[in-house]
Amino acid sequence: TSMLTAKEFLLLGDRLHAAEAARAGLCNRVV
C-alpha cells in the first residue's frame, strides 16, 4: 500500500475491515 497508509495503520493500530483492506491493496478478494 502507500507509505502514508502504512504509517497510519501501523502507528494507530486501527482495524482495516475487508472492503477497506481491498481498497488499500492489502487483499485481492472479499467474499
PDB file of all heavy atoms in Angstrom:
ATOM      1  N   THR A   1       0.859  -1.165   0.000  1.00  0.00           N
ATOM      2  CA  THR A   1       0.000   0.000   0.000  1.00  0.00           C
ATOM      3  C   THR A   1       0.902   1.222   0.000  1.00  0.00           C
ATOM      4  O   THR A   1       2.103   1.105  -0.184  1.00  0.00           O
ATOM      5  CB  THR A   1      -0.951  -0.048   1.212  1.00  0.00           C
ATOM      6  OG1 THR A   1      -1.875   1.029   1.133  1.00  0.00           O
ATOM      7  CG2 THR A   1      -0.214  -0.008   2.528  1.00  0.00           C
ATOM      8  N   SER A   2       0.354   2.401   0.173  1.00  0.00           N
ATOM      9  CA  SER A   2       1.206   3.591   0.186  1.00  0.00           C
ATOM     10  C   SER A   2       1.922   3.722   1.529  1.00  0.00           C
ATOM     11  O   SER A   2       1.481   3.184   2.545  1.00  0.00           O
ATOM     12  CB  SER A   2       0.374   4.845  -0.066  1.00  0.00           C
ATOM     13  OG  SER A   2      -0.425   5.153   1.063  1.00  0.00           O
ATOM     14  N   MET A   3       3.017   4.469   1.549  1.00  0.00           N
ATOM     15  CA  MET A   3       3.728   4.700   2.798  1.00  0.00           C
ATOM     16  C   MET A   3       2.841   5.436   3.799  1.00  0.00           C
ATOM     17  O   MET A   3       2.858   5.140   5.004  1.00  0.00           O
ATOM     18  CB  MET A   3       5.005   5.499   2.538  1.00  0.00           C
ATOM     19  CG  MET A   3       5.829   5.785   3.789  1.00  0.00           C
ATOM     20  SD  MET A   3       6.456   4.282   4.604  1.00  0.00           S
ATOM     21  CE  MET A   3       7.864   3.922   3.552  1.00  0.00           C
ATOM     22  N   LEU A   4       2.032   6.384   3.310  1.00  0.00           N
ATOM     23  CA  LEU A   4       1.147   7.108   4.221  1.00  0.00           C
ATOM     24  C   LEU A   4       0.129   6.169   4.859  1.00  0.00           C
ATOM     25  O   LEU A   4      -0.146   6.262   6.057  1.00  0.00           O
ATOM     26  CB  LEU A   4       0.425   8.235   3.479  1.00  0.00           C
ATOM     27  CG  LEU A   4       1.254   9.482   3.168  1.00  0.00           C
ATOM     28  CD1 LEU A   4       0.424  10.475   2.358  1.00  0.00           C
ATOM     29  CD2 LEU A   4       1.765  10.145   4.446  1.00  0.00           C
ATOM     30  N   THR A   5      -0.430   5.250   4.067  1.00  0.00           N
ATOM     31  CA  THR A   5      -1.385   4.290   4.618  1.00  0.00           C
ATOM     32  C   THR A   5      -0.700   3.351   5.605  1.00  0.00           C
ATOM     33  O   THR A   5      -1.241   3.040   6.671  1.00  0.00           O
ATOM     34  CB  THR A   5      -2.052   3.493   3.492  1.00  0.00           C
ATOM     35  OG1 THR A   5      -2.749   4.397   2.632  1.00  0.00           O
ATOM     36  CG2 THR A   5      -3.029   2.472   4.037  1.00  0.00           C
ATOM     37  N   ALA A   6       0.502   2.898   5.252  1.00  0.00           N
ATOM     38  CA  ALA A   6       1.255   2.036   6.164  1.00  0.00           C
ATOM     39  C   ALA A   6       1.494   2.739   7.491  1.00  0.00           C
ATOM     40  O   ALA A   6       1.310   2.154   8.575  1.00  0.00           O
ATOM     41  CB  ALA A   6       2.575   1.623   5.528  1.00  0.00           C
ATOM     42  N   LYS A   7       1.903   4.002   7.432  1.00  0.00           N
ATOM     43  CA  LYS A   7       2.162   4.743   8.670  1.00  0.00           C
ATOM     44  C   LYS A   7       0.882   4.912   9.477  1.00  0.00           C
ATOM     45  O   LYS A   7       0.892   4.774  10.713  1.00  0.00           O
ATOM     46  CB  LYS A   7       2.765   6.104   8.339  1.00  0.00           C
ATOM     47  CG  LYS A   7       4.199   6.027   7.851  1.00  0.00           C
ATOM     48  CD  LYS A   7       4.742   7.404   7.484  1.00  0.00           C
ATOM     49  CE  LYS A   7       6.198   7.326   7.031  1.00  0.00           C
ATOM     50  NZ  LYS A   7       6.728   8.642   6.620  1.00  0.00           N
ATOM     51  N   GLU A   8      -0.217   5.223   8.813  1.00  0.00           N
ATOM     52  CA  GLU A   8      -1.481   5.424   9.538  1.00  0.00           C
ATOM     53  C   GLU A   8      -1.861   4.183  10.335  1.00  0.00           C
ATOM     54  O   GLU A   8      -2.141   4.256  11.540  1.00  0.00           O
ATOM     55  CB  GLU A   8      -2.601   5.770   8.554  1.00  0.00           C
ATOM     56  CG  GLU A   8      -3.967   5.878   9.227  1.00  0.00           C
ATOM     57  CD  GLU A   8      -5.103   6.151   8.259  1.00  0.00           C
ATOM     58  OE1 GLU A   8      -4.812   6.402   7.056  1.00  0.00           O
ATOM     59  OE2 GLU A   8      -6.272   6.094   8.690  1.00  0.00           O
ATOM     60  N   PHE A   9      -1.867   3.037   9.667  1.00  0.00           N
ATOM     61  CA  PHE A   9      -2.419   1.854  10.327  1.00  0.00           C
ATOM     62  C   PHE A   9      -1.407   1.132  11.203  1.00  0.00           C
ATOM     63  O   PHE A   9      -1.801   0.455  12.161  1.00  0.00           O
ATOM     64  CB  PHE A   9      -3.038   0.927   9.277  1.00  0.00           C
ATOM     65  CG  PHE A   9      -4.334   1.461   8.739  1.00  0.00           C
ATOM     66  CD1 PHE A   9      -4.367   2.197   7.556  1.00  0.00           C
ATOM     67  CD2 PHE A   9      -5.515   1.280   9.441  1.00  0.00           C
ATOM     68  CE1 PHE A   9      -5.558   2.709   7.071  1.00  0.00           C
ATOM     69  CE2 PHE A   9      -6.709   1.796   8.967  1.00  0.00           C
ATOM     70  CZ  PHE A   9      -6.735   2.521   7.787  1.00  0.00           C
ATOM     71  N   LEU A  10      -0.114   1.265  10.925  1.00  0.00           N
ATOM     72  CA  LEU A  10       0.876   0.669  11.830  1.00  0.00           C
ATOM     73  C   LEU A  10       1.071   1.523  13.079  1.00  0.00           C
ATOM     74  O   LEU A  10       1.310   0.996  14.170  1.00  0.00           O
ATOM     75  CB  LEU A  10       2.206   0.466  11.106  1.00  0.00           C
ATOM     76  CG  LEU A  10       2.231  -0.638  10.045  1.00  0.00           C
ATOM     77  CD1 LEU A  10       3.584  -0.682   9.341  1.00  0.00           C
ATOM     78  CD2 LEU A  10       1.915  -2.008  10.648  1.00  0.00           C
ATOM     79  N   LEU A  11       0.986   2.828  12.941  1.00  0.00           N
ATOM     80  CA  LEU A  11       1.161   3.689  14.109  1.00  0.00           C
ATOM     81  C   LEU A  11      -0.101   3.742  14.968  1.00  0.00           C
ATOM     82  O   LEU A  11      -0.012   3.694  16.203  1.00  0.00           O
ATOM     83  CB  LEU A  11       1.570   5.098  13.676  1.00  0.00           C
ATOM     84  CG  LEU A  11       2.977   5.219  13.086  1.00  0.00           C
ATOM     85  CD1 LEU A  11       3.205   6.625  12.524  1.00  0.00           C
ATOM     86  CD2 LEU A  11       4.046   4.889  14.127  1.00  0.00           C
ATOM     87  N   LEU A  12      -1.259   3.837  14.344  1.00  0.00           N
ATOM     88  CA  LEU A  12      -2.501   3.953  15.110  1.00  0.00           C
ATOM     89  C   LEU A  12      -3.085   2.597  15.488  1.00  0.00           C
ATOM     90  O   LEU A  12      -3.854   2.507  16.447  1.00  0.00           O
ATOM     91  CB  LEU A  12      -3.534   4.757  14.319  1.00  0.00           C
ATOM     92  CG  LEU A  12      -3.169   6.214  14.031  1.00  0.00           C
ATOM     93  CD1 LEU A  12      -4.255   6.880  13.203  1.00  0.00           C
ATOM     94  CD2 LEU A  12      -2.939   6.991  15.341  1.00  0.00           C
ATOM     95  N   GLY A  13      -2.772   1.557  14.739  1.00  0.00           N
ATOM     96  CA  GLY A  13      -3.284   0.225  15.054  1.00  0.00           C
ATOM     97  C   GLY A  13      -4.750   0.030  14.739  1.00  0.00           C
ATOM     98  O   GLY A  13      -5.362  -0.930  15.217  1.00  0.00           O
ATOM     99  N   ASP A  14      -5.346   0.927  13.945  1.00  0.00           N
ATOM    100  CA  ASP A  14      -6.767   0.800  13.615  1.00  0.00           C
ATOM    101  C   ASP A  14      -7.026  -0.435  12.764  1.00  0.00           C
ATOM    102  O   ASP A  14      -6.137  -0.934  12.074  1.00  0.00           O
ATOM    103  CB  ASP A  14      -7.250   2.036  12.856  1.00  0.00           C
ATOM    104  CG  ASP A  14      -7.272   3.290  13.716  1.00  0.00           C
ATOM    105  OD1 ASP A  14      -7.228   3.156  14.959  1.00  0.00           O
ATOM    106  OD2 ASP A  14      -7.344   4.398  13.148  1.00  0.00           O
ATOM    107  N   ARG A  15      -8.251  -0.882  12.808  1.00  0.00           N
ATOM    108  CA  ARG A  15      -8.658  -2.036  12.003  1.00  0.00           C
ATOM    109  C   ARG A  15      -8.930  -1.625  10.567  1.00  0.00           C
ATOM    110  O   ARG A  15      -9.530  -0.576  10.311  1.00  0.00           O
ATOM    111  CB  ARG A  15      -9.923  -2.662  12.580  1.00  0.00           C
ATOM    112  CG  ARG A  15      -9.745  -3.245  13.972  1.00  0.00           C
ATOM    113  CD  ARG A  15     -11.069  -3.799  14.476  1.00  0.00           C
ATOM    114  NE  ARG A  15     -10.908  -4.414  15.792  1.00  0.00           N
ATOM    115  CZ  ARG A  15     -11.897  -5.009  16.467  1.00  0.00           C
ATOM    116  NH1 ARG A  15     -13.124  -5.067  15.928  1.00  0.00           N
ATOM    117  NH2 ARG A  15     -11.660  -5.551  17.652  1.00  0.00           N
ATOM    118  N   LEU A  16      -8.493  -2.463   9.639  1.00  0.00           N
ATOM    119  CA  LEU A  16      -8.909  -2.341   8.247  1.00  0.00           C
ATOM    120  C   LEU A  16      -9.888  -3.477   7.972  1.00  0.00           C
ATOM    121  O   LEU A  16      -9.481  -4.639   7.877  1.00  0.00           O
ATOM    122  CB  LEU A  16      -7.725  -2.456   7.284  1.00  0.00           C
ATOM    123  CG  LEU A  16      -6.792  -1.278   7.166  1.00  0.00           C
ATOM    124  CD1 LEU A  16      -5.560  -1.524   8.041  1.00  0.00           C
ATOM    125  CD2 LEU A  16      -6.352  -1.087   5.736  1.00  0.00           C
ATOM    126  N   HIS A  17     -11.152  -3.141   7.888  1.00  0.00           N
ATOM    127  CA  HIS A  17     -12.130  -4.161   7.542  1.00  0.00           C
ATOM    128  C   HIS A  17     -11.939  -4.573   6.086  1.00  0.00           C
ATOM    129  O   HIS A  17     -11.296  -3.873   5.306  1.00  0.00           O
ATOM    130  CB  HIS A  17     -13.532  -3.645   7.834  1.00  0.00           C
ATOM    131  CG  HIS A  17     -13.783  -3.486   9.303  1.00  0.00           C
ATOM    132  ND1 HIS A  17     -14.157  -4.536  10.108  1.00  0.00           N
ATOM    133  CD2 HIS A  17     -13.645  -2.414  10.120  1.00  0.00           C
ATOM    134  CE1 HIS A  17     -14.269  -4.118  11.356  1.00  0.00           C
ATOM    135  NE2 HIS A  17     -13.967  -2.833  11.394  1.00  0.00           N
ATOM    136  N   ALA A  18     -12.483  -5.700   5.740  1.00  0.00           N
ATOM    137  CA  ALA A  18     -12.126  -6.363   4.489  1.00  0.00           C
ATOM    138  C   ALA A  18     -12.244  -5.445   3.273  1.00  0.00           C
ATOM    139  O   ALA A  18     -11.325  -5.374   2.452  1.00  0.00           O
ATOM    140  CB  ALA A  18     -12.992  -7.609   4.308  1.00  0.00           C
ATOM    141  N   ALA A  19     -13.359  -4.744   3.144  1.00  0.00           N
ATOM    142  CA  ALA A  19     -13.545  -3.886   1.968  1.00  0.00           C
ATOM    143  C   ALA A  19     -12.488  -2.794   1.930  1.00  0.00           C
ATOM    144  O   ALA A  19     -11.955  -2.457   0.866  1.00  0.00           O
ATOM    145  CB  ALA A  19     -14.949  -3.284   1.981  1.00  0.00           C
ATOM    146  N   GLU A  20     -12.166  -2.230   3.094  1.00  0.00           N
ATOM    147  CA  GLU A  20     -11.142  -1.190   3.156  1.00  0.00           C
ATOM    148  C   GLU A  20      -9.765  -1.770   2.855  1.00  0.00           C
ATOM    149  O   GLU A  20      -8.935  -1.132   2.183  1.00  0.00           O
ATOM    150  CB  GLU A  20     -11.156  -0.534   4.534  1.00  0.00           C
ATOM    151  CG  GLU A  20     -10.268   0.685   4.659  1.00  0.00           C
ATOM    152  CD  GLU A  20     -10.406   1.372   6.000  1.00  0.00           C
ATOM    153  OE1 GLU A  20     -11.013   0.784   6.926  1.00  0.00           O
ATOM    154  OE2 GLU A  20      -9.901   2.508   6.119  1.00  0.00           O
ATOM    155  N   ALA A  21      -9.492  -2.981   3.337  1.00  0.00           N
ATOM    156  CA  ALA A  21      -8.216  -3.632   3.045  1.00  0.00           C
ATOM    157  C   ALA A  21      -8.055  -3.859   1.547  1.00  0.00           C
ATOM    158  O   ALA A  21      -6.966  -3.690   0.993  1.00  0.00           O
ATOM    159  CB  ALA A  21      -8.124  -4.963   3.799  1.00  0.00           C
ATOM    160  N   ALA A  22      -9.151  -4.220   0.873  1.00  0.00           N
ATOM    161  CA  ALA A  22      -9.088  -4.414  -0.580  1.00  0.00           C
ATOM    162  C   ALA A  22      -8.780  -3.095  -1.280  1.00  0.00           C
ATOM    163  O   ALA A  22      -7.953  -3.045  -2.194  1.00  0.00           O
ATOM    164  CB  ALA A  22     -10.406  -5.004  -1.082  1.00  0.00           C
ATOM    165  N   ARG A  23      -9.425  -2.016  -0.838  1.00  0.00           N
ATOM    166  CA  ARG A  23      -9.170  -0.709  -1.464  1.00  0.00           C
ATOM    167  C   ARG A  23      -7.733  -0.266  -1.238  1.00  0.00           C
ATOM    168  O   ARG A  23      -7.129   0.396  -2.081  1.00  0.00           O
ATOM    169  CB  ARG A  23     -10.143   0.338  -0.922  1.00  0.00           C
ATOM    170  CG  ARG A  23     -11.570   0.178  -1.419  1.00  0.00           C
ATOM    171  CD  ARG A  23     -12.398   1.399  -1.108  1.00  0.00           C
ATOM    172  NE  ARG A  23     -12.566   1.609   0.325  1.00  0.00           N
ATOM    173  CZ  ARG A  23     -13.566   1.107   1.032  1.00  0.00           C
ATOM    174  NH1 ARG A  23     -14.488   0.332   0.446  1.00  0.00           N
ATOM    175  NH2 ARG A  23     -13.668   1.354   2.317  1.00  0.00           N
ATOM    176  N   ALA A  24      -7.168  -0.640  -0.087  1.00  0.00           N
ATOM    177  CA  ALA A  24      -5.801  -0.235   0.247  1.00  0.00           C
ATOM    178  C   ALA A  24      -4.750  -1.105  -0.422  1.00  0.00           C
ATOM    179  O   ALA A  24      -3.555  -0.812  -0.337  1.00  0.00           O
ATOM    180  CB  ALA A  24      -5.604  -0.267   1.764  1.00  0.00           C
ATOM    181  N   GLY A  25      -5.160  -2.182  -1.074  1.00  0.00           N
ATOM    182  CA  GLY A  25      -4.209  -3.069  -1.738  1.00  0.00           C
ATOM    183  C   GLY A  25      -3.664  -4.165  -0.856  1.00  0.00           C
ATOM    184  O   GLY A  25      -2.663  -4.805  -1.197  1.00  0.00           O
ATOM    185  N   LEU A  26      -4.331  -4.430   0.267  1.00  0.00           N
ATOM    186  CA  LEU A  26      -3.861  -5.438   1.213  1.00  0.00           C
ATOM    187  C   LEU A  26      -4.588  -6.772   1.078  1.00  0.00           C
ATOM    188  O   LEU A  26      -4.259  -7.721   1.785  1.00  0.00           O
ATOM    189  CB  LEU A  26      -3.991  -4.915   2.645  1.00  0.00           C
ATOM    190  CG  LEU A  26      -3.068  -3.738   2.978  1.00  0.00           C
ATOM    191  CD1 LEU A  26      -3.484  -3.099   4.286  1.00  0.00           C
ATOM    192  CD2 LEU A  26      -1.618  -4.183   3.041  1.00  0.00           C
ATOM    193  N   CYS A  27      -5.587  -6.857   0.220  1.00  0.00           N
ATOM    194  CA  CYS A  27      -6.180  -8.156  -0.095  1.00  0.00           C
ATOM    195  C   CYS A  27      -6.688  -8.126  -1.527  1.00  0.00           C
ATOM    196  O   CYS A  27      -6.922  -7.050  -2.100  1.00  0.00           O
ATOM    197  CB  CYS A  27      -7.270  -8.550   0.903  1.00  0.00           C
ATOM    198  SG  CYS A  27      -8.918  -7.959   0.567  1.00  0.00           S
ATOM    199  N   ASN A  28      -6.847  -9.333  -2.096  1.00  0.00           N
ATOM    200  CA  ASN A  28      -7.237  -9.463  -3.501  1.00  0.00           C
ATOM    201  C   ASN A  28      -8.721  -9.654  -3.699  1.00  0.00           C
ATOM    202  O   ASN A  28      -9.287  -9.167  -4.682  1.00  0.00           O
ATOM    203  CB  ASN A  28      -6.513 -10.659  -4.131  1.00  0.00           C
ATOM    204  CG  ASN A  28      -5.009 -10.532  -4.075  1.00  0.00           C
ATOM    205  OD1 ASN A  28      -4.393 -10.916  -3.094  1.00  0.00           O
ATOM    206  ND2 ASN A  28      -4.414  -9.976  -5.129  1.00  0.00           N
ATOM    207  N   ARG A  29      -9.362 -10.415  -2.804  1.00  0.00           N
ATOM    208  CA  ARG A  29     -10.779 -10.714  -2.949  1.00  0.00           C
ATOM    209  C   ARG A  29     -11.455 -10.665  -1.583  1.00  0.00           C
ATOM    210  O   ARG A  29     -10.888 -11.102  -0.583  1.00  0.00           O
ATOM    211  CB  ARG A  29     -11.001 -12.114  -3.544  1.00  0.00           C
ATOM    212  CG  ARG A  29     -10.425 -12.323  -4.928  1.00  0.00           C
ATOM    213  CD  ARG A  29     -11.208 -11.558  -5.993  1.00  0.00           C
ATOM    214  NE  ARG A  29     -10.773 -11.915  -7.340  1.00  0.00           N
ATOM    215  CZ  ARG A  29      -9.694 -11.391  -7.947  1.00  0.00           C
ATOM    216  NH1 ARG A  29      -8.953 -10.491  -7.309  1.00  0.00           N
ATOM    217  NH2 ARG A  29      -9.365 -11.780  -9.174  1.00  0.00           N
ATOM    218  N   VAL A  30     -12.698 -10.153  -1.579  1.00  0.00           N
ATOM    219  CA  VAL A  30     -13.549 -10.177  -0.392  1.00  0.00           C
ATOM    220  C   VAL A  30     -14.777 -11.011  -0.746  1.00  0.00           C
ATOM    221  O   VAL A  30     -15.438 -10.757  -1.764  1.00  0.00           O
ATOM    222  CB  VAL A  30     -13.972  -8.756   0.026  1.00  0.00           C
ATOM    223  CG1 VAL A  30     -14.922  -8.818   1.226  1.00  0.00           C
ATOM    224  CG2 VAL A  30     -12.750  -7.912   0.361  1.00  0.00           C
ATOM    225  N   VAL A  31     -15.080 -12.023   0.085  1.00  0.00           N
ATOM    226  CA  VAL A  31     -16.162 -12.955  -0.228  1.00  0.00           C
ATOM    227  C   VAL A  31     -17.004 -13.192   1.023  1.00  0.00           C
ATOM    228  O   VAL A  31     -16.569 -12.896   2.150  1.00  0.00           O
ATOM    229  CB  VAL A  31     -15.605 -14.301  -0.750  1.00  0.00           C
ATOM    230  CG1 VAL A  31     -14.800 -14.097  -2.023  1.00  0.00           C
ATOM    231  CG2 VAL A  31     -14.766 -15.001   0.309  1.00  0.00           C
TER     232      VAL A  31
END
